[in-house]
Amino acid sequence: MSKDTWNSLSFFEQLSNIDGDVERLNHAHEKYINKASEKDNGYFYLDKIKKMIKMILFDPKNSARGYRAIELYDEAEEPRKYLEGEYSADYIRSYWNSYTKALS
């Protein structure tokens, strides 16, 4: 997604895009755990999530949400922890869904 297209989205739409990639990360990781995939593509989605968070940080309309955007950057650690086995699939889904609703 281009910077202009991304910046045209509302903060909630941006968060929803991240939430969608958290779901894709979860699905890809579960395929790996269940041996339906030889590679854990969850890390691809983790990188994508981090890039989208950075785009939120640099989106001018979000400057008034500075502390929330920075908090969001810290929250990128949650999917990483899931990929490393610290959380369950249900937890990470519920966590991000709740987080998206709370911030928007």
N, C-alpha and C. Protein backbone atom coordinates (compact mmCIF):
# COMPACT_ATOMS: atom_id res chain seq x y z
N MET A 1 0.85 -1.17 0.00
CA MET A 1 0.00 0.00 0.00
C MET A 1 0.90 1.24 0.00
N SER A 2 0.58 2.19 -0.84
CA SER A 2 1.39 3.40 -0.93
C SER A 2 1.17 4.28 0.31
N LYS A 3 2.13 5.17 0.54
CA LYS A 3 2.04 6.10 1.67
C LYS A 3 0.78 6.95 1.57
N ASP A 4 0.47 7.46 0.38
CA ASP A 4 -0.71 8.30 0.20
C ASP A 4 -1.99 7.54 0.48
N THR A 5 -2.07 6.32 0.00
CA THR A 5 -3.26 5.49 0.25
C THR A 5 -3.39 5.22 1.74
N TRP A 6 -2.27 4.87 2.36
CA TRP A 6 -2.28 4.59 3.80
C TRP A 6 -2.73 5.82 4.59
N ASN A 7 -2.19 6.97 4.24
CA ASN A 7 -2.52 8.20 4.96
C ASN A 7 -3.96 8.63 4.73
N SER A 8 -4.58 8.14 3.66
CA SER A 8 -5.98 8.49 3.41
C SER A 8 -6.93 7.68 4.30
N LEU A 9 -6.42 6.62 4.91
CA LEU A 9 -7.24 5.80 5.80
C LEU A 9 -7.38 6.48 7.16
N SER A 10 -8.50 6.26 7.82
CA SER A 10 -8.67 6.76 9.18
C SER A 10 -7.77 5.95 10.12
N PHE A 11 -7.55 6.46 11.30
CA PHE A 11 -6.75 5.76 12.31
C PHE A 11 -7.35 4.37 12.57
N PHE A 12 -8.67 4.30 12.70
CA PHE A 12 -9.33 3.02 12.91
C PHE A 12 -9.08 2.06 11.74
N GLU A 13 -9.15 2.56 10.51
CA GLU A 13 -8.90 1.70 9.34
C GLU A 13 -7.44 1.21 9.33
N GLN A 14 -6.53 2.08 9.73
CA GLN A 14 -5.14 1.66 9.81
C GLN A 14 -4.97 0.56 10.85
N LEU A 15 -5.58 0.74 12.01
CA LEU A 15 -5.51 -0.28 13.05
C LEU A 15 -6.16 -1.58 12.59
N SER A 16 -7.25 -1.47 11.86
CA SER A 16 -7.95 -2.65 11.35
C SER A 16 -7.07 -3.42 10.37
N ASN A 17 -6.29 -2.70 9.57
CA ASN A 17 -5.35 -3.36 8.66
C ASN A 17 -4.30 -4.13 9.45
N ILE A 18 -3.81 -3.54 10.52
CA ILE A 18 -2.84 -4.24 11.36
C ILE A 18 -3.49 -5.46 12.01
N ASP A 19 -4.71 -5.29 12.50
CA ASP A 19 -5.44 -6.40 13.11
C ASP A 19 -5.59 -7.55 12.11
N GLY A 20 -5.87 -7.21 10.86
CA GLY A 20 -5.99 -8.24 9.83
C GLY A 20 -4.69 -8.99 9.62
N ASP A 21 -3.57 -8.28 9.67
CA ASP A 21 -2.28 -8.96 9.51
C ASP A 21 -1.90 -9.76 10.74
N VAL A 22 -2.38 -9.36 11.90
CA VAL A 22 -2.18 -10.19 13.10
C VAL A 22 -2.92 -11.52 12.90
N GLU A 23 -4.11 -11.46 12.32
CA GLU A 23 -4.86 -12.70 12.02
C GLU A 23 -4.09 -13.56 11.01
N ARG A 24 -3.52 -12.93 9.98
CA ARG A 24 -2.75 -13.68 8.99
C ARG A 24 -1.48 -14.26 9.61
N LEU A 25 -0.83 -13.50 10.49
CA LEU A 25 0.34 -13.99 11.21
C LEU A 25 -0.05 -15.24 12.00
N ASN A 26 -1.15 -15.15 12.69
CA ASN A 26 -1.64 -16.25 13.50
C ASN A 26 -1.90 -17.49 12.63
N HIS A 27 -2.58 -17.29 11.54
CA HIS A 27 -2.90 -18.40 10.64
C HIS A 27 -1.63 -19.05 10.08
N ALA A 28 -0.69 -18.22 9.64
CA ALA A 28 0.56 -18.74 9.08
C ALA A 28 1.36 -19.51 10.13
N HIS A 29 1.39 -18.99 11.34
CA HIS A 29 2.14 -19.66 12.41
C HIS A 29 1.48 -20.98 12.80
N GLU A 30 0.16 -20.98 12.84
CA GLU A 30 -0.55 -22.23 13.17
C GLU A 30 -0.29 -23.30 12.10
N LYS A 31 -0.23 -22.89 10.84
CA LYS A 31 0.09 -23.86 9.77
C LYS A 31 1.47 -24.46 10.01
N TYR A 32 2.40 -23.63 10.41
CA TYR A 32 3.76 -24.11 10.69
C TYR A 32 3.76 -25.06 11.88
N ILE A 33 3.08 -24.68 12.95
CA ILE A 33 3.02 -25.53 14.14
C ILE A 33 2.39 -26.88 13.82
N ASN A 34 1.36 -26.86 12.99
CA ASN A 34 0.66 -28.09 12.63
C ASN A 34 1.31 -28.84 11.48
N LYS A 35 2.49 -28.39 11.08
CA LYS A 35 3.30 -29.02 10.04
C LYS A 35 2.64 -29.02 8.66
N ALA A 36 1.72 -28.07 8.46
CA ALA A 36 1.11 -27.91 7.14
C ALA A 36 1.99 -27.00 6.27
N SER A 37 3.00 -26.41 6.87
CA SER A 37 3.95 -25.55 6.16
C SER A 37 5.34 -25.81 6.72
N GLU A 38 6.34 -25.84 5.85
CA GLU A 38 7.71 -26.08 6.29
C GLU A 38 8.36 -24.81 6.83
N LYS A 39 7.80 -23.67 6.49
CA LYS A 39 8.37 -22.38 6.89
C LYS A 39 7.35 -21.62 7.72
N ASP A 40 7.83 -20.92 8.76
CA ASP A 40 6.94 -20.10 9.58
C ASP A 40 6.82 -18.72 8.94
N ASN A 41 5.78 -18.54 8.14
CA ASN A 41 5.56 -17.27 7.46
C ASN A 41 5.00 -16.20 8.40
N GLY A 42 4.78 -16.54 9.65
CA GLY A 42 4.33 -15.56 10.62
C GLY A 42 5.31 -14.40 10.74
N TYR A 43 6.59 -14.68 10.56
CA TYR A 43 7.60 -13.61 10.67
C TYR A 43 7.48 -12.61 9.52
N PHE A 44 7.02 -13.06 8.36
CA PHE A 44 6.76 -12.13 7.26
C PHE A 44 5.70 -11.12 7.70
N TYR A 45 4.64 -11.60 8.32
CA TYR A 45 3.56 -10.72 8.77
C TYR A 45 4.00 -9.84 9.94
N LEU A 46 4.87 -10.34 10.79
CA LEU A 46 5.39 -9.52 11.87
C LEU A 46 6.15 -8.32 11.31
N ASP A 47 6.97 -8.54 10.30
CA ASP A 47 7.69 -7.43 9.66
C ASP A 47 6.72 -6.45 9.03
N LYS A 48 5.69 -6.98 8.39
CA LYS A 48 4.68 -6.13 7.75
C LYS A 48 3.95 -5.29 8.81
N ILE A 49 3.61 -5.89 9.93
CA ILE A 49 2.93 -5.18 11.02
C ILE A 49 3.81 -4.04 11.52
N LYS A 50 5.09 -4.31 11.71
CA LYS A 50 6.01 -3.27 12.18
C LYS A 50 6.09 -2.12 11.18
N LYS A 51 6.09 -2.42 9.90
CA LYS A 51 6.13 -1.37 8.87
C LYS A 51 4.85 -0.53 8.91
N MET A 52 3.71 -1.17 9.09
CA MET A 52 2.46 -0.42 9.16
C MET A 52 2.42 0.47 10.40
N ILE A 53 2.95 -0.02 11.49
CA ILE A 53 3.01 0.79 12.70
C ILE A 53 3.88 2.02 12.47
N LYS A 54 4.99 1.83 11.79
CA LYS A 54 5.85 2.98 11.47
C LYS A 54 5.12 3.98 10.59
N MET A 55 4.33 3.47 9.66
CA MET A 55 3.56 4.37 8.79
C MET A 55 2.54 5.15 9.61
N ILE A 56 1.96 4.53 10.62
CA ILE A 56 1.04 5.25 11.52
C ILE A 56 1.80 6.36 12.25
N LEU A 57 3.00 6.05 12.73
CA LEU A 57 3.79 7.04 13.45
C LEU A 57 4.11 8.27 12.60
N PHE A 58 4.31 8.05 11.29
CA PHE A 58 4.69 9.15 10.41
C PHE A 58 3.53 9.77 9.65
N ASP A 59 2.32 9.29 9.90
CA ASP A 59 1.13 9.87 9.27
C ASP A 59 0.79 11.16 10.00
N PRO A 60 0.81 12.31 9.28
CA PRO A 60 0.58 13.61 9.93
C PRO A 60 -0.72 13.69 10.74
N LYS A 61 -1.77 13.05 10.30
CA LYS A 61 -3.04 13.16 11.04
C LYS A 61 -2.99 12.47 12.40
N ASN A 62 -2.01 11.61 12.57
CA ASN A 62 -1.89 10.89 13.84
C ASN A 62 -0.98 11.59 14.83
N SER A 63 -0.45 12.75 14.47
CA SER A 63 0.47 13.44 15.37
C SER A 63 -0.19 13.79 16.70
N ALA A 64 -1.49 14.06 16.67
CA ALA A 64 -2.21 14.36 17.91
C ALA A 64 -2.36 13.11 18.78
N ARG A 65 -2.15 11.95 18.20
CA ARG A 65 -2.24 10.68 18.93
C ARG A 65 -0.85 10.16 19.28
N GLY A 66 0.11 11.04 19.36
CA GLY A 66 1.51 10.65 19.53
C GLY A 66 1.76 9.56 20.53
N TYR A 67 1.26 9.75 21.75
CA TYR A 67 1.53 8.74 22.78
C TYR A 67 0.89 7.41 22.44
N ARG A 68 -0.28 7.43 21.80
CA ARG A 68 -0.93 6.17 21.42
C ARG A 68 -0.16 5.48 20.30
N ALA A 69 0.33 6.27 19.35
CA ALA A 69 1.09 5.68 18.25
C ALA A 69 2.38 5.06 18.78
N ILE A 70 3.03 5.71 19.72
CA ILE A 70 4.25 5.16 20.31
C ILE A 70 3.93 3.90 21.11
N GLU A 71 2.83 3.93 21.83
CA GLU A 71 2.38 2.74 22.56
C GLU A 71 2.13 1.60 21.59
N LEU A 72 1.53 1.92 20.47
CA LEU A 72 1.25 0.91 19.44
C LEU A 72 2.55 0.27 18.96
N TYR A 73 3.59 1.08 18.82
CA TYR A 73 4.88 0.55 18.40
C TYR A 73 5.39 -0.49 19.40
N ASP A 74 5.22 -0.18 20.69
CA ASP A 74 5.62 -1.13 21.73
C ASP A 74 4.80 -2.41 21.66
N GLU A 75 3.55 -2.30 21.24
CA GLU A 75 2.67 -3.46 21.18
C GLU A 75 3.05 -4.45 20.09
N ALA A 76 3.91 -4.07 19.18
CA ALA A 76 4.38 -4.99 18.15
C ALA A 76 5.15 -6.15 18.77
N GLU A 77 5.54 -5.99 20.02
CA GLU A 77 6.22 -7.08 20.72
C GLU A 77 5.27 -8.25 21.02
N GLU A 78 4.00 -7.97 21.13
CA GLU A 78 3.04 -9.03 21.47
C GLU A 78 2.98 -10.13 20.40
N PRO A 79 2.83 -9.79 19.12
CA PRO A 79 2.86 -10.86 18.12
C PRO A 79 4.20 -11.61 18.08
N ARG A 80 5.30 -10.89 18.34
CA ARG A 80 6.60 -11.55 18.37
C ARG A 80 6.63 -12.58 19.50
N LYS A 81 6.12 -12.20 20.65
CA LYS A 81 6.08 -13.12 21.79
C LYS A 81 5.21 -14.34 21.46
N TYR A 82 4.14 -14.12 20.73
CA TYR A 82 3.29 -15.24 20.31
C TYR A 82 4.08 -16.20 19.42
N LEU A 83 4.82 -15.64 18.45
CA LEU A 83 5.60 -16.48 17.55
C LEU A 83 6.66 -17.27 18.31
N GLU A 84 7.12 -16.74 19.41
CA GLU A 84 8.14 -17.42 20.20
C GLU A 84 7.55 -18.35 21.25
N GLY A 85 6.23 -18.50 21.25
CA GLY A 85 5.59 -19.48 22.12
C GLY A 85 5.14 -18.98 23.48
N GLU A 86 5.22 -17.68 23.72
CA GLU A 86 4.83 -17.16 25.03
C GLU A 86 3.31 -17.03 25.18
N TYR A 87 2.58 -16.94 24.09
CA TYR A 87 1.13 -16.77 24.13
C TYR A 87 0.45 -17.80 23.24
N SER A 88 -0.82 -18.03 23.53
CA SER A 88 -1.61 -18.93 22.69
C SER A 88 -2.21 -18.16 21.51
N ALA A 89 -2.68 -18.89 20.53
CA ALA A 89 -3.34 -18.28 19.36
C ALA A 89 -4.59 -17.52 19.79
N ASP A 90 -5.37 -18.10 20.68
CA ASP A 90 -6.58 -17.43 21.16
C ASP A 90 -6.25 -16.12 21.87
N TYR A 91 -5.18 -16.15 22.66
CA TYR A 91 -4.81 -14.94 23.39
C TYR A 91 -4.44 -13.81 22.43
N ILE A 92 -3.60 -14.10 21.46
CA ILE A 92 -3.12 -13.02 20.57
C ILE A 92 -4.27 -12.47 19.73
N ARG A 93 -5.20 -13.32 19.31
CA ARG A 93 -6.37 -12.84 18.57
C ARG A 93 -7.21 -11.90 19.43
N SER A 94 -7.51 -12.35 20.63
CA SER A 94 -8.32 -11.56 21.55
C SER A 94 -7.62 -10.26 21.94
N TYR A 95 -6.34 -10.36 22.20
CA TYR A 95 -5.56 -9.19 22.60
C TYR A 95 -5.61 -8.10 21.54
N TRP A 96 -5.32 -8.44 20.29
CA TRP A 96 -5.28 -7.43 19.23
C TRP A 96 -6.65 -6.90 18.89
N ASN A 97 -7.63 -7.76 18.94
CA ASN A 97 -8.99 -7.29 18.66
C ASN A 97 -9.40 -6.27 19.72
N SER A 98 -9.15 -6.57 20.96
CA SER A 98 -9.48 -5.64 22.06
C SER A 98 -8.65 -4.36 21.96
N TYR A 99 -7.39 -4.51 21.64
CA TYR A 99 -6.49 -3.36 21.54
C TYR A 99 -6.94 -2.41 20.44
N THR A 100 -7.31 -2.96 19.30
CA THR A 100 -7.78 -2.14 18.17
C THR A 100 -9.03 -1.36 18.57
N LYS A 101 -9.97 -2.03 19.22
CA LYS A 101 -11.20 -1.35 19.65
C LYS A 101 -10.92 -0.27 20.69
N ALA A 102 -10.01 -0.55 21.60
CA ALA A 102 -9.72 0.40 22.68
C ALA A 102 -9.05 1.67 22.15
N LEU A 103 -8.16 1.52 21.18
CA LEU A 103 -7.44 2.69 20.65
C LEU A 103 -8.25 3.51 19.68
N SER A 104 -9.21 2.92 19.06
CA SER A 104 -9.97 3.66 18.04
C SER A 104 -11.27 4.10 18.57
